[in-house]
Amino acid sequence: MRKGLGLTLAVALTLGSVGSALADQTVKIGVLTDLSGLYSELAGAGSVLAARMAIEDFGAEAKGLKVELVSADHQNKPDIGVAIAQKWYDQDGVDLIVDIPNSGVALAVNQVARDKNKVLMVSGAGSSDLTGKSCSPNTVHWTYDTWALANGTANAVVASGGKSWFFLTADYKFGRDLEHDTSAVVTATGGRVLGDVTFPLNTPDFSSFLVQAQTSDANVVGLAMAGGDVSNAVKQAAEFGIVEGGQRLVGMLVFITDIHALGLHAAQGLQFTAAFYWDKDDRTRAFATRFAEANHGIHPTMVHAGVYASVLHYLKAVVALQDKSDGSKVVAKMKALPTDDPLFGQGSIRIDGRALHSLYLYQVKKPEESKGPWDYYKLVETIPADRAFRPLDQGGCSLVK
């Protein structure tokens, strides 16, 4: 795929229509993602595939809908993401932007979608500000956020004896939010934060940061990062003997593509919170089989699942409303309709834009426990939707009366 601002992968799904108020219109969906950087495996081309699968599974043609899909690479730069979003919304007729695996980019595009009265559905970015102080009537936040990850993982780790923490934190919005939210849980549950160190996004060498973690006397090293940074940090932590020295390594955001890259020997025992696992049940396995067949054998991450589910629900809302022109009205219809899809099951969308569904605390299997490739997780705990995400009155969202 081409990279940069100029990339628009036109996957023209020109679907016939009859008997619909939308018959003479085309719904245009843009997947704004990382096609070339450290988040390209967990999102990237797989997110484009997931959106295409959702359009096909929705059966747009039979429902009187013509749908076109485009994609572009934001390169993890907010200015590039904003430029693409503005062009898509103003010139290219894009109605909905999905994915955005970078919180800085997502928060910037969040404002663009509101200004243009279009729709934004985030499945890749994690900042809980998207449903907090930066909430918008035009935005829905799917899959996970920093508050949910922090509460799901930190509660379990502190309860099992991980009382003192040192953080390795990616120096951008997502990493800082994740450390902040996790620190709040640690201290609220009787633990202590002994220190932290920040590092630039996409860091190849964690040596100096790991030395600081080793000398901190903390019994938990929290990885407030994602994507390729997780793989690099965990590999180098093994070389430094972090775990052998008595410290616990905790991934605050881990994807199945990270575990696949690391291998079970290096990743075994890691605990983390996730919204989706391909091997959860028959429906998730069926989706993963189709996805992997079209994606060189690579199985879907929870970001891919979030793209699929959010696009599916958007299309349901557009058909129910029989109008795509007013973004805030489409989002209001999405909130009015219950969510129900094969990957997340039944749920809802709150007034602040938070999509509600269960989360899961997983642990990476030991090599001898795995039955084959991609069989990596074992379930520790199911976290029901009513306690998986931040309470509505604690986010500071202006939409909440």
Foldseek 3Di string as FASTA:
>chain_A
DDAFLPFKDKPFQFAAFDDFLCQPPAAEEEEEEAQDDLCCQQDNPLLQVLLVVLVVVLVQNVLNHGYMYIYHHQNLDQVSLCVSLCCCLPPVVHQEYEEYQHQSNVLSVLVVCQVSLGAYEYLRHADPLCLFVSFHLRYAYDWHHLLLLLQVFLVVCVVVPQAEEEEEFEPDDQRVRNVVNNQVNSVVVRHYYQYYDYDYPPDQDCVVVLVCVQPSPGQEYEYSDDGPVVLNVLVVCVVVCVVVVRHHYEYSDYKLVSCLVNDQVSQAFHKTKGQFAQVPDDLSVVVQVVSCVVVVNRGHISSSVRSNQVSNLLVVLCSVVSDSNRSSSSSVSSQVDWGADSTFGTWHADQSNYTFGKMFMWGFHHPVPAPDPSRTIDTDDIGGRVPSDDDSVPRNRPRPD
